[in-house]
C-alpha atoms as a PDB file:
ATOM      1  CA  MET A   1     106.378   0.600 -35.988  1.00  0.00           C
ATOM      2  CA  LYS A   2     104.273   4.113 -36.061  1.00  0.00           C
ATOM      3  CA  ALA A   3     105.807   6.980 -36.284  1.00  0.00           C
ATOM      4  CA  ILE A   4     105.282   9.163 -33.388  1.00  0.00           C
ATOM      5  CA  LYS A   5     104.680  13.144 -34.274  1.00  0.00           C
ATOM      6  CA  VAL A   6     106.856  16.155 -32.769  1.00  0.00           C
ATOM      7  CA  SER A   7     105.402  17.148 -30.054  1.00  0.00           C
ATOM      8  CA  SER A   8     105.747  17.791 -26.337  1.00  0.00           C
ATOM      9  CA  PRO A   9     106.706  14.281 -24.091  1.00  0.00           C
ATOM     10  CA  ILE A  10     104.688  14.960 -21.094  1.00  0.00           C
ATOM     11  CA  ILE A  11     101.907  12.894 -20.257  1.00  0.00           C
ATOM     12  CA  VAL A  12     100.294  14.182 -17.711  1.00  0.00           C
ATOM     13  CA  SER A  13      98.822  10.902 -15.725  1.00  0.00           C
ATOM     14  CA  LEU A  14      95.358  12.062 -14.527  1.00  0.00           C
ATOM     15  CA  ASP A  15      94.374   9.271 -11.538  1.00  0.00           C
ATOM     16  CA  VAL A  16      91.655  11.740 -10.060  1.00  0.00           C
ATOM     17  CA  ASP A  17      87.828  11.587 -10.254  1.00  0.00           C
ATOM     18  CA  TYR A  18      85.869  12.736 -13.985  1.00  0.00           C
ATOM     19  CA  ASP A  19      85.153  16.543 -12.796  1.00  0.00           C
ATOM     20  CA  LYS A  20      88.542  17.567 -11.626  1.00  0.00           C
ATOM     21  CA  ALA A  21      90.143  15.269 -14.563  1.00  0.00           C
ATOM     22  CA  ILE A  22      88.112  18.143 -17.158  1.00  0.00           C
ATOM     23  CA  SER A  23      89.200  20.646 -15.315  1.00  0.00           C
ATOM     24  CA  LEU A  24      92.685  19.512 -15.213  1.00  0.00           C
ATOM     25  CA  ALA A  25      92.355  19.315 -18.923  1.00  0.00           C
ATOM     26  CA  ASN A  26      91.111  22.592 -19.333  1.00  0.00           C
ATOM     27  CA  ASP A  27      94.139  24.111 -17.009  1.00  0.00           C
ATOM     28  CA  PHE A  28      96.731  22.474 -19.651  1.00  0.00           C
ATOM     29  CA  ASP A  29      97.742  22.871 -23.238  1.00  0.00           C
ATOM     30  CA  PRO A  30      97.124  20.451 -26.437  1.00  0.00           C
ATOM     31  CA  GLU A  31     100.354  21.578 -27.908  1.00  0.00           C
ATOM     32  CA  GLN A  32     102.273  21.394 -23.935  1.00  0.00           C
ATOM     33  CA  CYS A  33     101.249  17.750 -22.823  1.00  0.00           C
ATOM     34  CA  ARG A  34      99.356  14.606 -23.225  1.00  0.00           C
ATOM     35  CA  LEU A  35      97.020  13.291 -20.588  1.00  0.00           C
ATOM     36  CA  LYS A  36      97.146   9.420 -19.488  1.00  0.00           C
ATOM     37  CA  VAL A  37      93.528   7.998 -18.435  1.00  0.00           C
ATOM     38  CA  GLY A  38      94.549   5.085 -16.413  1.00  0.00           C
ATOM     39  CA  SER A  39      92.062   2.253 -14.719  1.00  0.00           C
ATOM     40  CA  GLN A  40      90.540   4.501 -11.698  1.00  0.00           C
ATOM     41  CA  LEU A  41      89.481   7.081 -14.309  1.00  0.00           C
ATOM     42  CA  PHE A  42      88.589   4.629 -16.945  1.00  0.00           C
ATOM     43  CA  THR A  43      86.549   2.464 -13.948  1.00  0.00           C
ATOM     44  CA  SER A  44      85.088   5.451 -12.192  1.00  0.00           C
ATOM     45  CA  SER A  45      84.147   7.145 -15.608  1.00  0.00           C
ATOM     46  CA  GLY A  46      84.428   5.220 -18.654  1.00  0.00           C
ATOM     47  CA  PRO A  47      85.102   5.491 -22.326  1.00  0.00           C
ATOM     48  CA  LYS A  48      83.306   9.150 -22.405  1.00  0.00           C
ATOM     49  CA  VAL A  49      86.075  10.406 -20.095  1.00  0.00           C
ATOM     50  CA  VAL A  50      88.406   9.456 -22.887  1.00  0.00           C
ATOM     51  CA  LYS A  51      85.956  11.366 -25.970  1.00  0.00           C
ATOM     52  CA  ASP A  52      85.472  14.386 -23.645  1.00  0.00           C
ATOM     53  CA  LEU A  53      89.580  14.680 -23.289  1.00  0.00           C
ATOM     54  CA  SER A  54      90.286  14.123 -26.014  1.00  0.00           C
ATOM     55  CA  SER A  55      87.318  16.565 -28.333  1.00  0.00           C
ATOM     56  CA  LEU A  56      89.593  18.731 -25.962  1.00  0.00           C
ATOM     57  CA  GLY A  57      92.322  18.187 -28.510  1.00  0.00           C
ATOM     58  CA  PHE A  58      94.642  15.956 -26.373  1.00  0.00           C
ATOM     59  CA  ASP A  59      96.381  12.531 -27.076  1.00  0.00           C
ATOM     60  CA  ILE A  60      95.359  10.054 -25.272  1.00  0.00           C
ATOM     61  CA  PHE A  61      97.532   6.834 -23.379  1.00  0.00           C
ATOM     62  CA  LEU A  62      94.911   4.652 -21.925  1.00  0.00           C
ATOM     63  CA  ASP A  63      96.811   2.928 -19.840  1.00  0.00           C
ATOM     64  CA  LEU A  64      94.945  -0.354 -18.865  1.00  0.00           C
ATOM     65  CA  LYS A  65      97.622  -2.607 -19.012  1.00  0.00           C
ATOM     66  CA  PHE A  66      95.491  -5.574 -20.830  1.00  0.00           C
ATOM     67  CA  HIS A  67      96.192  -8.869 -19.587  1.00  0.00           C
ATOM     68  CA  ASP A  68      94.016 -11.342 -20.829  1.00  0.00           C
ATOM     69  CA  ILE A  69      93.867 -14.490 -23.036  1.00  0.00           C
ATOM     70  CA  PRO A  70      94.261 -13.306 -26.803  1.00  0.00           C
ATOM     71  CA  ASN A  71      90.832 -13.571 -28.132  1.00  0.00           C
ATOM     72  CA  THR A  72      89.793 -10.471 -24.991  1.00  0.00           C
ATOM     73  CA  VAL A  73      93.570  -8.422 -25.150  1.00  0.00           C
ATOM     74  CA  SER A  74      92.600  -7.720 -29.518  1.00  0.00           C
ATOM     75  CA  GLU A  75      88.552  -6.998 -28.665  1.00  0.00           C
ATOM     76  CA  ALA A  76      90.011  -4.598 -25.648  1.00  0.00           C
ATOM     77  CA  ILE A  77      92.536  -3.139 -28.361  1.00  0.00           C
ATOM     78  CA  ARG A  78      89.941  -2.802 -31.384  1.00  0.00           C
ATOM     79  CA  ALA A  79      87.656  -0.877 -28.179  1.00  0.00           C
ATOM     80  CA  ALA A  80      90.521   1.513 -27.135  1.00  0.00           C
ATOM     81  CA  ALA A  81      91.372   2.130 -30.556  1.00  0.00           C
ATOM     82  CA  ASP A  82      87.811   3.037 -31.644  1.00  0.00           C
ATOM     83  CA  LEU A  83      88.133   5.795 -28.798  1.00  0.00           C
ATOM     84  CA  GLY A  84      90.337   6.893 -31.100  1.00  0.00           C
ATOM     85  CA  VAL A  85      92.910   6.883 -28.056  1.00  0.00           C
ATOM     86  CA  TRP A  86      97.197   8.541 -29.046  1.00  0.00           C
ATOM     87  CA  MET A  87      98.621   4.854 -27.292  1.00  0.00           C
ATOM     88  CA  VAL A  88      97.595   1.919 -25.645  1.00  0.00           C
ATOM     89  CA  ASN A  89      99.443  -0.652 -22.974  1.00  0.00           C
ATOM     90  CA  VAL A  90      99.174  -4.123 -22.666  1.00  0.00           C
ATOM     91  CA  HIS A  91     101.507  -6.598 -20.672  1.00  0.00           C
ATOM     92  CA  VAL A  92     103.834  -8.476 -22.198  1.00  0.00           C
ATOM     93  CA  SER A  93     104.590 -11.049 -19.080  1.00  0.00           C
ATOM     94  CA  GLY A  94     101.292 -12.223 -21.314  1.00  0.00           C
ATOM     95  CA  GLY A  95     102.821 -13.553 -23.872  1.00  0.00           C
ATOM     96  CA  PRO A  96     103.751 -13.775 -27.069  1.00  0.00           C
ATOM     97  CA  SER A  97     100.072 -14.432 -28.570  1.00  0.00           C
ATOM     98  CA  MET A  98      98.716 -12.220 -26.666  1.00  0.00           C
ATOM     99  CA  LEU A  99     101.170  -9.290 -27.643  1.00  0.00           C
ATOM    100  CA  GLU A 100     100.997 -10.489 -31.726  1.00  0.00           C
ATOM    101  CA  SER A 101      96.879 -10.659 -30.951  1.00  0.00           C
ATOM    102  CA  ALA A 102      97.155  -7.296 -29.916  1.00  0.00           C
ATOM    103  CA  ARG A 103      99.207  -5.662 -32.865  1.00  0.00           C
ATOM    104  CA  LYS A 104      97.183  -7.659 -35.532  1.00  0.00           C
ATOM    105  CA  ALA A 105      93.998  -6.263 -33.959  1.00  0.00           C
ATOM    106  CA  LEU A 106      94.961  -2.354 -35.176  1.00  0.00           C
ATOM    107  CA  SER A 107      96.292  -4.031 -38.202  1.00  0.00           C
ATOM    108  CA  SER A 108      93.440  -2.214 -39.974  1.00  0.00           C
ATOM    109  CA  TYR A 109      92.904   1.048 -38.585  1.00  0.00           C
ATOM    110  CA  ASN A 110      94.653   3.517 -41.224  1.00  0.00           C
ATOM    111  CA  ASN A 111      96.036   6.171 -37.639  1.00  0.00           C
ATOM    112  CA  PRO A 112      96.593   3.088 -34.904  1.00  0.00           C
ATOM    113  CA  PRO A 113      97.457   4.153 -31.436  1.00  0.00           C
ATOM    114  CA  LEU A 114     101.063   3.146 -30.016  1.00  0.00           C
ATOM    115  CA  LEU A 115     100.960  -0.003 -28.342  1.00  0.00           C
ATOM    116  CA  ILE A 116     103.615   0.054 -25.816  1.00  0.00           C
ATOM    117  CA  GLY A 117     104.320  -2.744 -23.404  1.00  0.00           C
ATOM    118  CA  VAL A 118     104.372  -3.509 -19.389  1.00  0.00           C
ATOM    119  CA  THR A 119     107.416  -5.313 -18.670  1.00  0.00           C
ATOM    120  CA  MET A 120     107.766  -5.005 -14.776  1.00  0.00           C
ATOM    121  CA  LEU A 121     105.606  -2.506 -13.082  1.00  0.00           C
ATOM    122  CA  THR A 122     108.073   0.239 -11.938  1.00  0.00           C
ATOM    123  CA  SER A 123     106.315  -0.368  -8.489  1.00  0.00           C
ATOM    124  CA  LEU A 124     107.403  -3.552  -7.286  1.00  0.00           C
ATOM    125  CA  SER A 125     110.979  -3.953  -5.238  1.00  0.00           C
ATOM    126  CA  ASN A 126     113.554  -6.535  -5.313  1.00  0.00           C
ATOM    127  CA  GLU A 127     112.269  -8.493  -2.766  1.00  0.00           C
ATOM    128  CA  ASP A 128     108.612  -8.749  -4.681  1.00  0.00           C
ATOM    129  CA  VAL A 129     109.884  -9.966  -7.756  1.00  0.00           C
ATOM    130  CA  LYS A 130     111.851 -12.602  -5.590  1.00  0.00           C
ATOM    131  CA  GLU A 131     108.436 -14.030  -4.070  1.00  0.00           C
ATOM    132  CA  ILE A 132     107.270 -14.372  -7.518  1.00  0.00           C
ATOM    133  CA  GLY A 133     110.012 -16.326  -9.060  1.00  0.00           C
ATOM    134  CA  ILE A 134     112.400 -13.545 -10.705  1.00  0.00           C
ATOM    135  CA  SER A 135     115.914 -13.526  -9.122  1.00  0.00           C
ATOM    136  CA  ASP A 136     116.690  -9.984 -11.359  1.00  0.00           C
ATOM    137  CA  ILE A 137     114.447  -7.015 -12.159  1.00  0.00           C
ATOM    138  CA  SER A 138     116.571  -5.818 -15.193  1.00  0.00           C
ATOM    139  CA  GLU A 139     117.439  -9.015 -16.333  1.00  0.00           C
ATOM    140  CA  LYS A 140     113.419  -9.863 -16.573  1.00  0.00           C
ATOM    141  CA  VAL A 141     112.647  -6.099 -18.319  1.00  0.00           C
ATOM    142  CA  MET A 142     115.310  -7.090 -20.550  1.00  0.00           C
ATOM    143  CA  GLN A 143     113.628 -10.195 -21.721  1.00  0.00           C
ATOM    144  CA  LEU A 144     110.267  -8.843 -21.724  1.00  0.00           C
ATOM    145  CA  ALA A 145     111.032  -5.406 -23.532  1.00  0.00           C
ATOM    146  CA  LEU A 146     113.324  -7.455 -26.126  1.00  0.00           C
ATOM    147  CA  LEU A 147     110.068  -9.942 -26.623  1.00  0.00           C
ATOM    148  CA  ALA A 148     107.856  -6.797 -26.736  1.00  0.00           C
ATOM    149  CA  LYS A 149     109.940  -6.026 -29.559  1.00  0.00           C
ATOM    150  CA  SER A 150     109.949  -9.352 -31.569  1.00  0.00           C
ATOM    151  CA  ASN A 151     106.088  -9.118 -31.103  1.00  0.00           C
ATOM    152  CA  GLY A 152     105.358  -5.269 -33.384  1.00  0.00           C
ATOM    153  CA  LEU A 153     105.133  -3.251 -30.181  1.00  0.00           C
ATOM    154  CA  ASP A 154     105.908   0.275 -30.892  1.00  0.00           C
ATOM    155  CA  GLY A 155     107.699   0.615 -26.811  1.00  0.00           C
ATOM    156  CA  ILE A 156     107.865  -0.589 -23.278  1.00  0.00           C
ATOM    157  CA  VAL A 157     106.987   1.353 -20.185  1.00  0.00           C
ATOM    158  CA  CYS A 158     109.659   1.399 -18.288  1.00  0.00           C
ATOM    159  CA  SER A 159     112.496   3.049 -15.188  1.00  0.00           C
ATOM    160  CA  PRO A 160     113.914   6.186 -16.280  1.00  0.00           C
ATOM    161  CA  ARG A 161     117.542   3.936 -15.073  1.00  0.00           C
ATOM    162  CA  GLU A 162     116.483   1.462 -17.570  1.00  0.00           C
ATOM    163  CA  VAL A 163     115.674   3.819 -20.495  1.00  0.00           C
ATOM    164  CA  LYS A 164     119.493   3.995 -21.967  1.00  0.00           C
ATOM    165  CA  VAL A 165     119.868   0.564 -21.738  1.00  0.00           C
ATOM    166  CA  ILE A 166     117.017  -0.745 -23.856  1.00  0.00           C
ATOM    167  CA  LYS A 167     117.900   2.113 -26.524  1.00  0.00           C
ATOM    168  CA  GLU A 168     120.733  -0.187 -26.713  1.00  0.00           C
ATOM    169  CA  LEU A 169     119.106  -3.607 -27.253  1.00  0.00           C
ATOM    170  CA  CYS A 170     115.737  -2.750 -29.355  1.00  0.00           C
ATOM    171  CA  GLY A 171     117.044   0.471 -30.732  1.00  0.00           C
ATOM    172  CA  LYS A 172     116.357   4.300 -31.133  1.00  0.00           C
ATOM    173  CA  GLU A 173     112.777   4.206 -32.279  1.00  0.00           C
ATOM    174  CA  PHE A 174     111.227   1.555 -28.898  1.00  0.00           C
ATOM    175  CA  ILE A 175     109.272   4.260 -27.029  1.00  0.00           C
ATOM    176  CA  ALA A 176     109.982   3.886 -23.302  1.00  0.00           C
ATOM    177  CA  VAL A 177     107.785   6.106 -21.473  1.00  0.00           C
ATOM    178  CA  THR A 178     109.110   6.376 -17.888  1.00  0.00           C
ATOM    179  CA  PRO A 179     105.991   6.988 -14.889  1.00  0.00           C
ATOM    180  CA  GLY A 180     105.746   8.820 -12.189  1.00  0.00           C
ATOM    181  CA  ILE A 181     108.005  11.830 -12.120  1.00  0.00           C
ATOM    182  CA  ARG A 182     107.074  14.565 -10.731  1.00  0.00           C
ATOM    183  CA  THR A 183     108.356  17.979 -10.443  1.00  0.00           C
ATOM    184  CA  LYS A 184     108.836  19.361  -7.012  1.00  0.00           C
ATOM    185  CA  GLU A 185     106.428  22.211  -7.343  1.00  0.00           C
ATOM    186  CA  MET A 186     103.436  20.460  -8.636  1.00  0.00           C
ATOM    187  CA  ASN A 187     101.722  17.614  -6.633  1.00  0.00           C
ATOM    188  CA  ILE A 188     100.282  15.956 -10.618  1.00  0.00           C
ATOM    189  CA  ASN A 189     101.786  12.568 -11.335  1.00  0.00           C
ATOM    190  CA  ILE A 190     103.826  13.412 -15.205  1.00  0.00           C
ATOM    191  CA  LEU A 191     104.290   9.981 -16.882  1.00  0.00           C
END
């Protein structure tokens, strides 16, 4: 597992267009936060936005939640690493072969990005998961967290309510990224 540098644990989610993302980044200090580029911003702006935000000194979490056949995911992970991102994620439900392929894709990099797994989307309700055949969200998150750990991932995305149990199950060094936390004063997501 890769050691995380001592830095701010705050990741600001840039769910905006390119111009707004650059404007916001210019208002932030790379020593105080990291930035998340998700599907909305990456799809509208492409790799350029990652390069431009990185050039401002920010660590970038590329939040594209890769989930495909192992070869496709490994190539996508390599492309993300080539962009110099700090962290990238995959859906753990893609299975052991996909996870292993993603991890192996990073093995040749001197300073690879952190590889984080998405267990269950935190927006899913109990009713939602029952409709897709899962009876207990917490149990499924724990099962997928163990799968992520056993396949060499650095951590998972999870609900703040699950962090304590995840750390007990997978170890203190296993990273728990908790999305959607907002301050009352701010109208931006802090991941």
